[in-house]
N, C-alpha and C. Protein backbone atom coordinates (compact mmCIF):
# COMPACT_ATOMS: atom_id res chain seq x y z
N MET A 1 96.88 -54.57 -28.17
CA MET A 1 96.15 -53.57 -27.27
C MET A 1 94.85 -54.44 -26.60
N SER A 2 94.69 -54.35 -25.51
CA SER A 2 93.55 -55.11 -24.77
C SER A 2 92.04 -54.43 -25.03
N LYS A 3 91.14 -55.23 -25.07
CA LYS A 3 89.92 -54.77 -25.29
C LYS A 3 89.55 -53.54 -24.21
N ILE A 4 88.75 -52.63 -24.71
CA ILE A 4 88.14 -51.87 -23.52
C ILE A 4 86.79 -52.23 -23.29
N LYS A 5 86.14 -51.81 -22.14
CA LYS A 5 84.98 -52.25 -21.61
C LYS A 5 83.85 -51.12 -21.16
N TRP A 6 82.68 -51.36 -21.50
CA TRP A 6 81.57 -50.47 -21.37
C TRP A 6 81.37 -50.56 -19.99
N MET A 7 80.90 -49.51 -19.36
CA MET A 7 80.56 -49.17 -17.72
C MET A 7 79.43 -48.28 -17.80
N ARG A 8 79.07 -48.21 -16.65
CA ARG A 8 77.82 -47.13 -16.27
C ARG A 8 78.21 -46.43 -15.32
N VAL A 9 77.93 -45.11 -15.10
CA VAL A 9 78.18 -44.27 -14.16
C VAL A 9 76.91 -43.76 -13.41
N MET A 10 76.97 -43.87 -12.25
CA MET A 10 75.79 -43.40 -11.32
C MET A 10 76.28 -42.30 -10.33
N GLY A 11 75.81 -40.99 -10.31
CA GLY A 11 76.08 -40.00 -9.21
C GLY A 11 74.79 -40.26 -8.33
N PHE A 12 75.21 -40.10 -7.10
CA PHE A 12 73.99 -40.02 -5.99
C PHE A 12 74.29 -38.67 -5.35
N LYS A 13 73.20 -38.32 -4.62
CA LYS A 13 73.25 -37.30 -3.60
C LYS A 13 73.70 -37.77 -2.12
N HIS A 14 74.00 -37.00 -1.13
CA HIS A 14 74.56 -37.55 0.16
C HIS A 14 73.36 -38.31 0.72
N ASP A 15 72.12 -38.24 0.50
CA ASP A 15 70.92 -39.12 1.09
C ASP A 15 70.72 -40.46 0.44
N GLY A 16 71.60 -40.72 -0.67
CA GLY A 16 71.62 -42.10 -1.45
C GLY A 16 70.61 -41.83 -2.57
N SER A 17 69.87 -40.59 -2.75
CA SER A 17 69.23 -40.54 -4.07
C SER A 17 69.85 -40.38 -5.30
N ILE A 18 69.43 -40.94 -6.17
CA ILE A 18 69.97 -40.86 -7.77
C ILE A 18 70.21 -39.40 -8.04
N HIS A 19 71.19 -38.84 -8.55
CA HIS A 19 71.56 -37.48 -9.07
C HIS A 19 71.53 -37.41 -10.67
N ARG A 20 72.26 -38.47 -11.11
CA ARG A 20 72.57 -38.47 -12.57
C ARG A 20 73.12 -39.84 -13.03
N VAL A 21 72.64 -40.31 -14.11
CA VAL A 21 73.23 -41.68 -14.61
C VAL A 21 73.63 -41.51 -16.03
N TRP A 22 74.90 -41.91 -16.57
CA TRP A 22 75.41 -41.90 -17.62
C TRP A 22 75.15 -43.46 -18.04
N ASP A 23 74.48 -43.85 -19.14
CA ASP A 23 74.07 -45.08 -19.63
C ASP A 23 75.30 -45.84 -20.09
N LYS A 24 76.26 -45.01 -20.71
CA LYS A 24 77.26 -46.00 -21.36
C LYS A 24 78.47 -45.27 -21.39
N ALA A 25 79.69 -45.73 -20.88
CA ALA A 25 80.84 -45.08 -21.07
C ALA A 25 81.86 -46.21 -21.08
N CYS A 26 83.13 -45.79 -21.77
CA CYS A 26 83.95 -47.09 -22.14
C CYS A 26 85.12 -46.79 -21.10
N LYS A 27 85.70 -47.75 -20.42
CA LYS A 27 86.77 -47.67 -19.53
C LYS A 27 87.94 -47.73 -20.68
N VAL A 28 88.90 -46.71 -20.30
CA VAL A 28 89.96 -46.84 -21.29
C VAL A 28 91.48 -47.02 -20.35
N TYR A 29 91.22 -46.88 -19.01
CA TYR A 29 92.44 -47.03 -18.28
C TYR A 29 91.94 -47.29 -16.55
N GLU A 30 92.79 -48.02 -15.91
CA GLU A 30 92.41 -48.07 -14.57
C GLU A 30 93.60 -48.62 -13.88
N ASP A 31 93.91 -48.03 -12.79
CA ASP A 31 95.01 -48.26 -11.85
C ASP A 31 94.53 -48.18 -10.32
N ASP A 32 95.34 -48.54 -9.38
CA ASP A 32 94.99 -48.27 -8.04
C ASP A 32 94.42 -46.86 -7.49
N GLU A 33 94.59 -45.85 -8.34
CA GLU A 33 94.30 -44.53 -7.79
C GLU A 33 93.02 -44.17 -8.67
N LYS A 34 92.96 -44.62 -9.86
CA LYS A 34 91.90 -43.94 -10.77
C LYS A 34 91.38 -44.70 -11.69
N ILE A 35 90.15 -44.54 -12.31
CA ILE A 35 89.75 -44.84 -13.66
C ILE A 35 89.40 -44.11 -14.46
N MET A 36 89.59 -44.08 -15.78
CA MET A 36 89.30 -43.15 -16.86
C MET A 36 88.40 -43.76 -17.75
N ILE A 37 87.38 -43.05 -18.01
CA ILE A 37 86.15 -43.48 -18.92
C ILE A 37 86.12 -42.40 -20.18
N SER A 38 85.67 -42.82 -21.29
CA SER A 38 85.62 -41.88 -22.29
C SER A 38 84.06 -42.34 -23.07
N ASN A 39 83.46 -41.32 -23.67
CA ASN A 39 82.55 -41.31 -24.40
C ASN A 39 82.11 -40.22 -25.31
N ALA A 40 81.44 -40.40 -26.27
CA ALA A 40 80.95 -39.13 -27.21
C ALA A 40 79.56 -39.55 -27.45
N LYS A 41 78.43 -38.57 -27.25
CA LYS A 41 77.33 -38.65 -27.48
C LYS A 41 76.56 -39.64 -26.53
N THR A 42 76.72 -39.75 -25.36
CA THR A 42 76.08 -40.61 -24.36
C THR A 42 74.99 -39.97 -23.96
N LEU A 43 73.89 -41.15 -23.41
CA LEU A 43 72.66 -40.65 -22.94
C LEU A 43 72.94 -40.47 -21.32
N ILE A 44 72.59 -39.33 -20.98
CA ILE A 44 72.46 -38.83 -19.63
C ILE A 44 71.12 -38.78 -19.00
N ARG A 45 70.74 -39.35 -17.76
CA ARG A 45 69.52 -39.29 -17.20
C ARG A 45 69.78 -38.51 -15.83
N GLU A 46 68.80 -37.52 -15.60
CA GLU A 46 68.72 -36.71 -14.53
C GLU A 46 67.78 -37.25 -13.73
N TYR A 47 68.00 -36.80 -12.28
CA TYR A 47 67.00 -37.34 -11.26
C TYR A 47 65.76 -37.05 -11.31
N ASP A 48 65.21 -36.14 -12.28
CA ASP A 48 63.83 -35.53 -12.33
C ASP A 48 63.41 -36.36 -13.71
N GLY A 49 64.08 -37.19 -14.22
CA GLY A 49 63.60 -37.78 -15.27
C GLY A 49 63.98 -37.31 -16.63
N ARG A 50 64.63 -35.96 -16.71
CA ARG A 50 64.96 -35.53 -17.91
C ARG A 50 66.25 -36.30 -18.54
N MET A 51 66.18 -36.37 -19.87
CA MET A 51 67.29 -37.08 -20.37
C MET A 51 67.89 -36.15 -21.51
N TRP A 52 69.18 -36.20 -21.82
CA TRP A 52 69.82 -35.45 -22.72
C TRP A 52 71.25 -36.20 -23.18
N MET A 53 71.68 -35.82 -24.37
CA MET A 53 72.73 -36.34 -24.78
C MET A 53 73.97 -35.41 -24.64
N ALA A 54 75.20 -35.88 -24.18
CA ALA A 54 76.23 -35.16 -24.09
C ALA A 54 76.72 -35.06 -25.53
N LYS A 55 76.81 -33.70 -25.85
CA LYS A 55 77.28 -33.52 -27.31
C LYS A 55 78.72 -33.74 -27.80
N GLU A 56 79.65 -33.44 -26.75
CA GLU A 56 80.88 -33.40 -26.98
C GLU A 56 81.64 -34.45 -26.50
N PRO A 57 82.76 -35.03 -27.28
CA PRO A 57 83.51 -35.97 -26.64
C PRO A 57 84.31 -35.62 -25.49
N SER A 58 84.56 -36.67 -24.43
CA SER A 58 85.14 -36.39 -23.17
C SER A 58 85.84 -37.62 -22.68
N LEU A 59 86.69 -37.24 -21.51
CA LEU A 59 87.41 -38.05 -20.92
C LEU A 59 87.34 -37.82 -19.66
N THR A 60 86.78 -38.63 -18.72
CA THR A 60 86.53 -38.41 -17.43
C THR A 60 87.42 -39.34 -16.58
N THR A 61 87.97 -38.76 -15.41
CA THR A 61 88.89 -39.52 -14.45
C THR A 61 88.04 -39.48 -13.13
N TYR A 62 88.01 -40.51 -12.52
CA TYR A 62 87.15 -40.78 -11.22
C TYR A 62 88.41 -41.39 -10.43
N TYR A 63 88.43 -40.85 -9.37
CA TYR A 63 89.44 -41.15 -8.24
C TYR A 63 89.11 -41.97 -7.16
N LYS A 64 89.59 -43.05 -6.77
CA LYS A 64 89.38 -44.10 -5.92
C LYS A 64 89.56 -43.60 -4.36
N HIS A 65 90.43 -42.41 -4.18
CA HIS A 65 90.84 -41.73 -2.96
C HIS A 65 90.75 -40.40 -2.72
N ARG A 66 90.42 -39.87 -3.94
CA ARG A 66 90.29 -38.30 -3.84
C ARG A 66 88.63 -38.05 -3.86
N TRP A 67 88.52 -36.77 -3.44
CA TRP A 67 87.12 -36.32 -3.29
C TRP A 67 86.56 -35.32 -4.39
N PHE A 68 87.06 -35.90 -5.66
CA PHE A 68 86.63 -35.08 -7.03
C PHE A 68 86.79 -36.02 -8.27
N ASN A 69 86.21 -35.50 -9.30
CA ASN A 69 86.55 -36.06 -10.61
C ASN A 69 86.86 -35.15 -11.56
N ILE A 70 87.40 -35.65 -12.73
CA ILE A 70 87.71 -34.47 -13.83
C ILE A 70 87.22 -34.70 -14.99
N ILE A 71 86.54 -34.05 -15.84
CA ILE A 71 85.96 -34.24 -17.07
C ILE A 71 86.76 -33.38 -17.97
N GLY A 72 87.69 -33.90 -19.01
CA GLY A 72 88.23 -33.30 -20.03
C GLY A 72 87.21 -33.24 -21.14
N ILE A 73 86.58 -32.07 -21.55
CA ILE A 73 85.76 -32.01 -22.53
C ILE A 73 86.57 -31.41 -23.90
N ILE A 74 86.24 -32.29 -24.94
CA ILE A 74 87.14 -32.13 -26.17
C ILE A 74 86.48 -31.15 -27.09
N ARG A 75 87.16 -29.99 -27.44
CA ARG A 75 86.52 -28.95 -28.37
C ARG A 75 87.59 -28.60 -29.34
N SER A 76 86.94 -28.05 -30.38
CA SER A 76 87.89 -28.02 -31.64
C SER A 76 89.13 -26.84 -31.08
N GLU A 77 89.03 -25.97 -30.18
CA GLU A 77 90.00 -25.08 -29.83
C GLU A 77 90.79 -25.59 -28.58
N GLY A 78 90.42 -26.54 -28.01
CA GLY A 78 91.25 -27.28 -27.03
C GLY A 78 90.22 -28.01 -25.82
N VAL A 79 90.94 -28.26 -24.63
CA VAL A 79 90.15 -28.91 -23.79
C VAL A 79 89.74 -28.05 -22.71
N HIS A 80 88.45 -28.21 -22.49
CA HIS A 80 87.77 -27.53 -21.35
C HIS A 80 87.58 -28.41 -20.15
N TYR A 81 87.90 -28.29 -19.00
CA TYR A 81 87.85 -29.08 -17.81
C TYR A 81 86.65 -28.74 -16.88
N TYR A 82 85.98 -29.59 -16.47
CA TYR A 82 84.60 -29.51 -15.75
C TYR A 82 84.95 -30.44 -14.41
N CYS A 83 85.04 -30.00 -13.31
CA CYS A 83 85.26 -30.78 -12.24
C CYS A 83 84.23 -30.82 -11.22
N ASN A 84 83.89 -31.77 -10.61
CA ASN A 84 82.94 -32.35 -9.72
C ASN A 84 83.69 -32.48 -8.20
N ILE A 85 83.39 -31.71 -7.20
CA ILE A 85 83.58 -32.30 -5.95
C ILE A 85 82.69 -33.37 -5.55
N ALA A 86 83.31 -34.53 -5.31
CA ALA A 86 82.46 -35.62 -5.14
C ALA A 86 83.20 -36.60 -4.19
N SER A 87 82.53 -37.84 -3.75
CA SER A 87 83.15 -38.79 -2.94
C SER A 87 84.24 -39.53 -3.74
N PRO A 88 85.09 -40.12 -3.14
CA PRO A 88 85.88 -41.25 -3.84
C PRO A 88 84.79 -42.28 -4.48
N ILE A 89 85.14 -42.78 -5.57
CA ILE A 89 84.28 -43.87 -6.11
C ILE A 89 84.32 -45.04 -5.70
N ILE A 90 83.30 -45.94 -5.74
CA ILE A 90 83.33 -47.43 -5.80
C ILE A 90 82.97 -47.92 -6.86
N ILE A 91 83.41 -49.10 -7.36
CA ILE A 91 82.76 -49.80 -8.50
C ILE A 91 82.25 -51.14 -8.37
N GLU A 92 81.00 -51.33 -8.70
CA GLU A 92 80.18 -52.57 -8.44
C GLU A 92 79.71 -53.09 -9.79
N ASP A 93 79.96 -54.24 -10.11
CA ASP A 93 79.32 -54.74 -11.35
C ASP A 93 79.46 -54.05 -12.54
N ASP A 94 80.61 -53.42 -12.75
CA ASP A 94 80.78 -52.55 -14.17
C ASP A 94 80.11 -51.10 -13.94
N VAL A 95 79.75 -50.78 -12.56
CA VAL A 95 79.09 -49.56 -12.33
C VAL A 95 79.98 -48.57 -11.48
N ILE A 96 80.33 -47.56 -11.82
CA ILE A 96 80.98 -46.47 -11.23
C ILE A 96 79.99 -45.64 -10.33
N LYS A 97 80.20 -45.59 -9.08
CA LYS A 97 79.28 -44.88 -8.25
C LYS A 97 80.11 -43.85 -7.24
N TYR A 98 79.28 -42.69 -7.13
CA TYR A 98 79.91 -41.62 -6.25
C TYR A 98 78.93 -40.91 -5.95
N ILE A 99 79.21 -39.89 -4.69
CA ILE A 99 78.27 -38.96 -4.37
C ILE A 99 78.61 -37.59 -4.86
N ASP A 100 77.77 -36.91 -5.47
CA ASP A 100 78.13 -35.66 -5.77
C ASP A 100 77.80 -34.55 -4.75
N TYR A 101 78.79 -33.74 -4.48
CA TYR A 101 78.74 -32.47 -3.59
C TYR A 101 78.65 -31.27 -4.04
N ASP A 102 77.95 -31.04 -4.92
CA ASP A 102 77.62 -29.87 -5.51
C ASP A 102 78.51 -28.79 -6.03
N LEU A 103 79.63 -28.70 -5.31
CA LEU A 103 80.78 -27.66 -5.77
C LEU A 103 81.31 -28.38 -6.98
N ASP A 104 81.62 -27.27 -8.23
CA ASP A 104 82.20 -27.57 -9.31
C ASP A 104 83.33 -26.52 -9.61
N LEU A 105 84.37 -27.22 -10.40
CA LEU A 105 85.31 -26.17 -10.60
C LEU A 105 85.45 -26.31 -11.95
N VAL A 106 85.61 -25.22 -12.77
CA VAL A 106 85.71 -25.04 -14.41
C VAL A 106 87.15 -24.48 -14.64
N LYS A 107 87.97 -25.18 -15.68
CA LYS A 107 89.07 -24.69 -16.23
C LYS A 107 88.84 -24.52 -17.53
N THR A 108 88.69 -23.21 -17.94
CA THR A 108 88.49 -22.94 -19.44
C THR A 108 89.65 -23.13 -20.30
N ILE A 109 89.60 -23.35 -21.57
CA ILE A 109 90.44 -23.44 -22.52
C ILE A 109 91.69 -22.65 -22.57
N LYS A 110 91.11 -21.26 -21.93
CA LYS A 110 92.21 -20.24 -21.76
C LYS A 110 92.88 -20.33 -20.46
N GLY A 111 92.55 -21.12 -19.48
CA GLY A 111 93.15 -21.55 -18.47
C GLY A 111 92.55 -20.84 -17.13
N GLU A 112 91.46 -20.20 -17.42
CA GLU A 112 90.79 -19.40 -16.12
C GLU A 112 89.91 -20.24 -15.30
N LEU A 113 89.97 -20.19 -14.15
CA LEU A 113 89.37 -20.97 -13.13
C LEU A 113 88.03 -20.29 -12.51
N LYS A 114 87.13 -21.02 -12.29
CA LYS A 114 85.93 -20.53 -11.88
C LYS A 114 85.15 -21.73 -10.80
N VAL A 115 84.72 -21.30 -9.79
CA VAL A 115 84.17 -22.13 -8.82
C VAL A 115 82.59 -22.02 -9.01
N LEU A 116 81.79 -23.03 -9.24
CA LEU A 116 80.49 -22.88 -9.63
C LEU A 116 79.57 -23.67 -8.49
N ASP A 117 78.37 -23.26 -8.28
CA ASP A 117 77.19 -23.76 -7.63
C ASP A 117 77.63 -23.78 -5.94
N GLU A 118 78.05 -22.66 -5.54
CA GLU A 118 78.64 -22.43 -4.13
C GLU A 118 76.99 -22.25 -3.37
N ASP A 119 75.96 -21.61 -3.86
CA ASP A 119 74.81 -21.36 -3.43
C ASP A 119 74.14 -22.84 -3.22
N GLU A 120 74.26 -23.63 -4.31
CA GLU A 120 73.67 -25.06 -4.31
C GLU A 120 74.06 -25.85 -3.14
N TYR A 121 75.54 -25.79 -2.94
CA TYR A 121 76.34 -26.30 -1.86
C TYR A 121 75.63 -26.03 -0.32
N LEU A 122 75.66 -24.87 -0.16
CA LEU A 122 75.02 -24.28 1.12
C LEU A 122 73.92 -24.57 1.45
N VAL A 123 72.89 -24.76 0.43
CA VAL A 123 71.55 -25.07 0.49
C VAL A 123 71.50 -26.81 0.86
N ASN A 124 72.19 -27.59 0.02
CA ASN A 124 72.33 -29.00 0.31
C ASN A 124 73.12 -29.41 1.46
N LYS A 125 74.10 -28.44 1.94
CA LYS A 125 74.90 -28.94 3.21
C LYS A 125 73.67 -28.89 4.21
N GLU A 126 72.85 -28.17 4.30
CA GLU A 126 71.87 -28.07 5.44
C GLU A 126 70.78 -29.29 5.08
N LYS A 127 70.48 -29.35 3.96
CA LYS A 127 69.28 -30.33 3.56
C LYS A 127 69.77 -31.58 3.82
N TYR A 128 70.97 -31.97 3.49
CA TYR A 128 71.34 -33.50 3.67
C TYR A 128 72.16 -33.54 5.02
N GLY A 129 72.61 -32.54 5.56
CA GLY A 129 73.39 -32.66 6.83
C GLY A 129 74.87 -33.25 6.47
N TYR A 130 75.50 -32.45 5.67
CA TYR A 130 76.85 -32.89 5.38
C TYR A 130 77.86 -33.01 6.64
N GLY A 131 77.55 -32.11 7.79
CA GLY A 131 78.36 -32.24 8.80
C GLY A 131 79.77 -31.35 8.67
N GLU A 132 80.37 -31.13 9.85
CA GLU A 132 81.61 -30.60 9.75
C GLU A 132 82.81 -31.23 9.06
N GLU A 133 82.76 -32.45 9.35
CA GLU A 133 84.05 -33.27 8.74
C GLU A 133 84.06 -33.38 7.28
N ILE A 134 82.97 -33.42 6.70
CA ILE A 134 82.48 -33.59 5.26
C ILE A 134 82.94 -32.07 4.78
N ASP A 135 82.32 -31.43 5.30
CA ASP A 135 82.40 -29.79 4.79
C ASP A 135 84.04 -29.60 4.78
N ARG A 136 84.68 -29.69 5.90
CA ARG A 136 86.02 -29.64 5.79
C ARG A 136 86.88 -30.14 4.76
N ILE A 137 86.59 -31.66 4.61
CA ILE A 137 87.22 -32.40 3.49
C ILE A 137 87.04 -31.91 2.03
N LEU A 138 85.72 -31.34 1.77
CA LEU A 138 85.33 -30.89 0.49
C LEU A 138 85.94 -29.43 0.31
N LYS A 139 85.90 -28.68 1.05
CA LYS A 139 86.66 -27.40 0.99
C LYS A 139 88.06 -27.52 0.72
N ALA A 140 88.84 -28.59 1.55
CA ALA A 140 90.18 -28.72 1.32
C ALA A 140 90.33 -29.43 -0.05
N GLU A 141 89.47 -30.23 -0.45
CA GLU A 141 89.82 -30.86 -1.82
C GLU A 141 89.48 -29.88 -2.84
N LEU A 142 88.57 -29.10 -2.84
CA LEU A 142 88.45 -27.94 -3.68
C LEU A 142 89.47 -27.04 -3.90
N GLU A 143 90.33 -26.60 -2.70
CA GLU A 143 91.62 -25.94 -2.77
C GLU A 143 92.70 -26.69 -3.50
N ASN A 144 92.81 -27.91 -3.16
CA ASN A 144 93.83 -28.88 -3.88
C ASN A 144 93.48 -28.94 -5.41
N LEU A 145 92.31 -29.12 -5.70
CA LEU A 145 92.06 -29.22 -7.09
C LEU A 145 92.34 -27.95 -7.80
N LYS A 146 92.00 -26.58 -7.31
CA LYS A 146 92.50 -25.44 -7.95
C LYS A 146 94.03 -25.55 -8.21
N GLU A 147 94.59 -25.82 -7.28
CA GLU A 147 96.17 -26.01 -7.37
C GLU A 147 96.55 -27.01 -8.43
N TYR A 148 95.88 -28.12 -8.44
CA TYR A 148 96.12 -29.03 -9.47
C TYR A 148 95.91 -28.52 -11.01
N ALA A 149 94.78 -27.86 -10.92
CA ALA A 149 94.49 -27.08 -12.35
C ALA A 149 95.24 -26.16 -12.76
N LYS A 150 95.69 -25.22 -11.87
CA LYS A 150 96.73 -23.96 -12.13
C LYS A 150 98.00 -24.63 -12.50
N ASN A 151 98.64 -25.70 -12.08
CA ASN A 151 99.64 -26.20 -12.18
C ASN A 151 99.74 -27.45 -13.31
N GLY A 152 98.83 -27.50 -13.91
CA GLY A 152 98.65 -28.63 -15.00
C GLY A 152 98.99 -30.13 -14.28
N GLU A 153 98.59 -30.44 -13.12
CA GLU A 153 99.04 -31.68 -12.36
C GLU A 153 97.70 -32.53 -12.72
N LEU A 154 98.00 -33.67 -12.46
CA LEU A 154 97.08 -34.84 -12.51
C LEU A 154 96.56 -34.90 -14.03
N VAL A 155 95.44 -34.80 -14.37
CA VAL A 155 95.08 -35.02 -15.79
C VAL A 155 94.75 -33.71 -16.36
N PHE A 156 95.09 -32.49 -15.72
CA PHE A 156 95.04 -31.36 -16.39
C PHE A 156 96.11 -31.08 -17.57
N ASN A 157 96.01 -31.68 -18.45
CA ASN A 157 96.87 -32.05 -19.66
C ASN A 157 96.21 -32.34 -20.91
N ASP A 158 96.11 -31.48 -21.80
CA ASP A 158 95.38 -31.70 -22.92
C ASP A 158 95.85 -33.19 -23.80
N GLN A 159 97.16 -33.30 -23.73
CA GLN A 159 97.63 -34.66 -24.35
C GLN A 159 96.94 -35.88 -23.75
N ILE A 160 97.01 -35.86 -22.38
CA ILE A 160 96.44 -36.87 -21.79
C ILE A 160 95.00 -37.29 -22.06
N ILE A 161 94.18 -36.01 -22.26
CA ILE A 161 92.71 -36.12 -22.45
C ILE A 161 92.62 -36.74 -23.85
N ASN A 162 93.39 -36.07 -24.87
CA ASN A 162 93.20 -36.46 -26.13
C ASN A 162 93.56 -37.89 -26.33
N ASP A 163 94.75 -38.28 -25.86
CA ASP A 163 95.25 -39.73 -25.87
C ASP A 163 94.10 -40.62 -25.47
N GLY A 164 93.48 -40.42 -24.14
CA GLY A 164 92.60 -41.29 -23.64
C GLY A 164 91.17 -41.29 -24.43
N PHE A 165 90.75 -40.35 -25.10
CA PHE A 165 89.63 -40.20 -26.05
C PHE A 165 90.00 -41.12 -27.31
N ASN A 166 91.07 -40.88 -27.79
CA ASN A 166 91.42 -41.46 -28.94
C ASN A 166 91.78 -43.06 -28.83
N LYS A 167 92.14 -43.39 -27.64
CA LYS A 167 92.03 -44.90 -27.43
C LYS A 167 90.65 -45.39 -27.60
N PHE A 168 89.80 -44.80 -26.74
CA PHE A 168 88.38 -45.17 -26.90
C PHE A 168 87.83 -45.27 -28.26
N TRP A 169 88.20 -44.10 -29.07
CA TRP A 169 87.64 -43.79 -30.43
C TRP A 169 88.11 -44.89 -31.50
N ASP A 170 89.53 -45.26 -31.31
CA ASP A 170 90.22 -46.23 -32.07
C ASP A 170 89.62 -47.60 -31.72
N ALA A 171 89.28 -47.92 -30.43
CA ALA A 171 88.59 -49.36 -30.31
C ALA A 171 87.23 -49.25 -30.79
N PHE A 172 86.41 -48.04 -30.50
CA PHE A 172 85.08 -48.04 -31.08
C PHE A 172 85.00 -48.35 -32.57
N MET A 173 85.70 -47.51 -33.02
CA MET A 173 85.73 -47.66 -34.72
C MET A 173 86.14 -49.16 -35.11
N ARG A 174 87.12 -49.70 -34.45
CA ARG A 174 87.52 -51.09 -34.61
C ARG A 174 86.52 -51.98 -34.07
N LYS A 175 85.62 -51.65 -33.22
CA LYS A 175 84.51 -52.53 -32.71
C LYS A 175 85.31 -53.49 -31.56
N ASP A 176 86.46 -53.06 -31.14
CA ASP A 176 87.23 -53.92 -30.25
C ASP A 176 87.11 -53.61 -28.64
N TYR A 177 85.81 -54.01 -28.34
CA TYR A 177 85.42 -53.71 -26.83
C TYR A 177 84.35 -54.82 -26.72
N ASP A 178 84.34 -55.06 -25.33
CA ASP A 178 83.21 -55.92 -25.03
C ASP A 178 81.94 -55.36 -25.08
N ASN A 179 80.97 -56.09 -25.55
CA ASN A 179 79.82 -55.38 -25.74
C ASN A 179 78.62 -56.10 -24.86
N ASN A 180 79.16 -55.49 -23.63
CA ASN A 180 77.95 -55.70 -22.55
C ASN A 180 77.33 -54.66 -21.78
């Protein structure tokens, strides 16, 4: 098994301002479409200077050509999915970067779907001037994401999430990672 690599994740707003930063996450998989990172108890910095520690282990899939990312949060009773409507990522110098577009989709352990932050989206659409084309793309991608979640497609699969996290955890316990 090859070594896994530490990365940083930076979420921005549409105007380029920093929204949120994950100091350390471990890349467990990458191909032409996506990159998967995992962490447990990682430090997260908010735009306003607040810092907090993610309490639950997770596997996040960032897409290179899709307008969303999917976080599988591992809980004792199953996987809870939290999805961000966001720009496709770019990767520069081991940093994953994307623009957060406010709308979120949750898929509960019981399979229920809920869209969050629609009010925030409407405010920020005006504040940052998303424009009609961005608005159309984001709304279409939210609908696509709902279908993927309902049908268990992409990474809406508890086994994929658990396997990815276990790859991180096994390497972490063996200290089989690049420490940079």
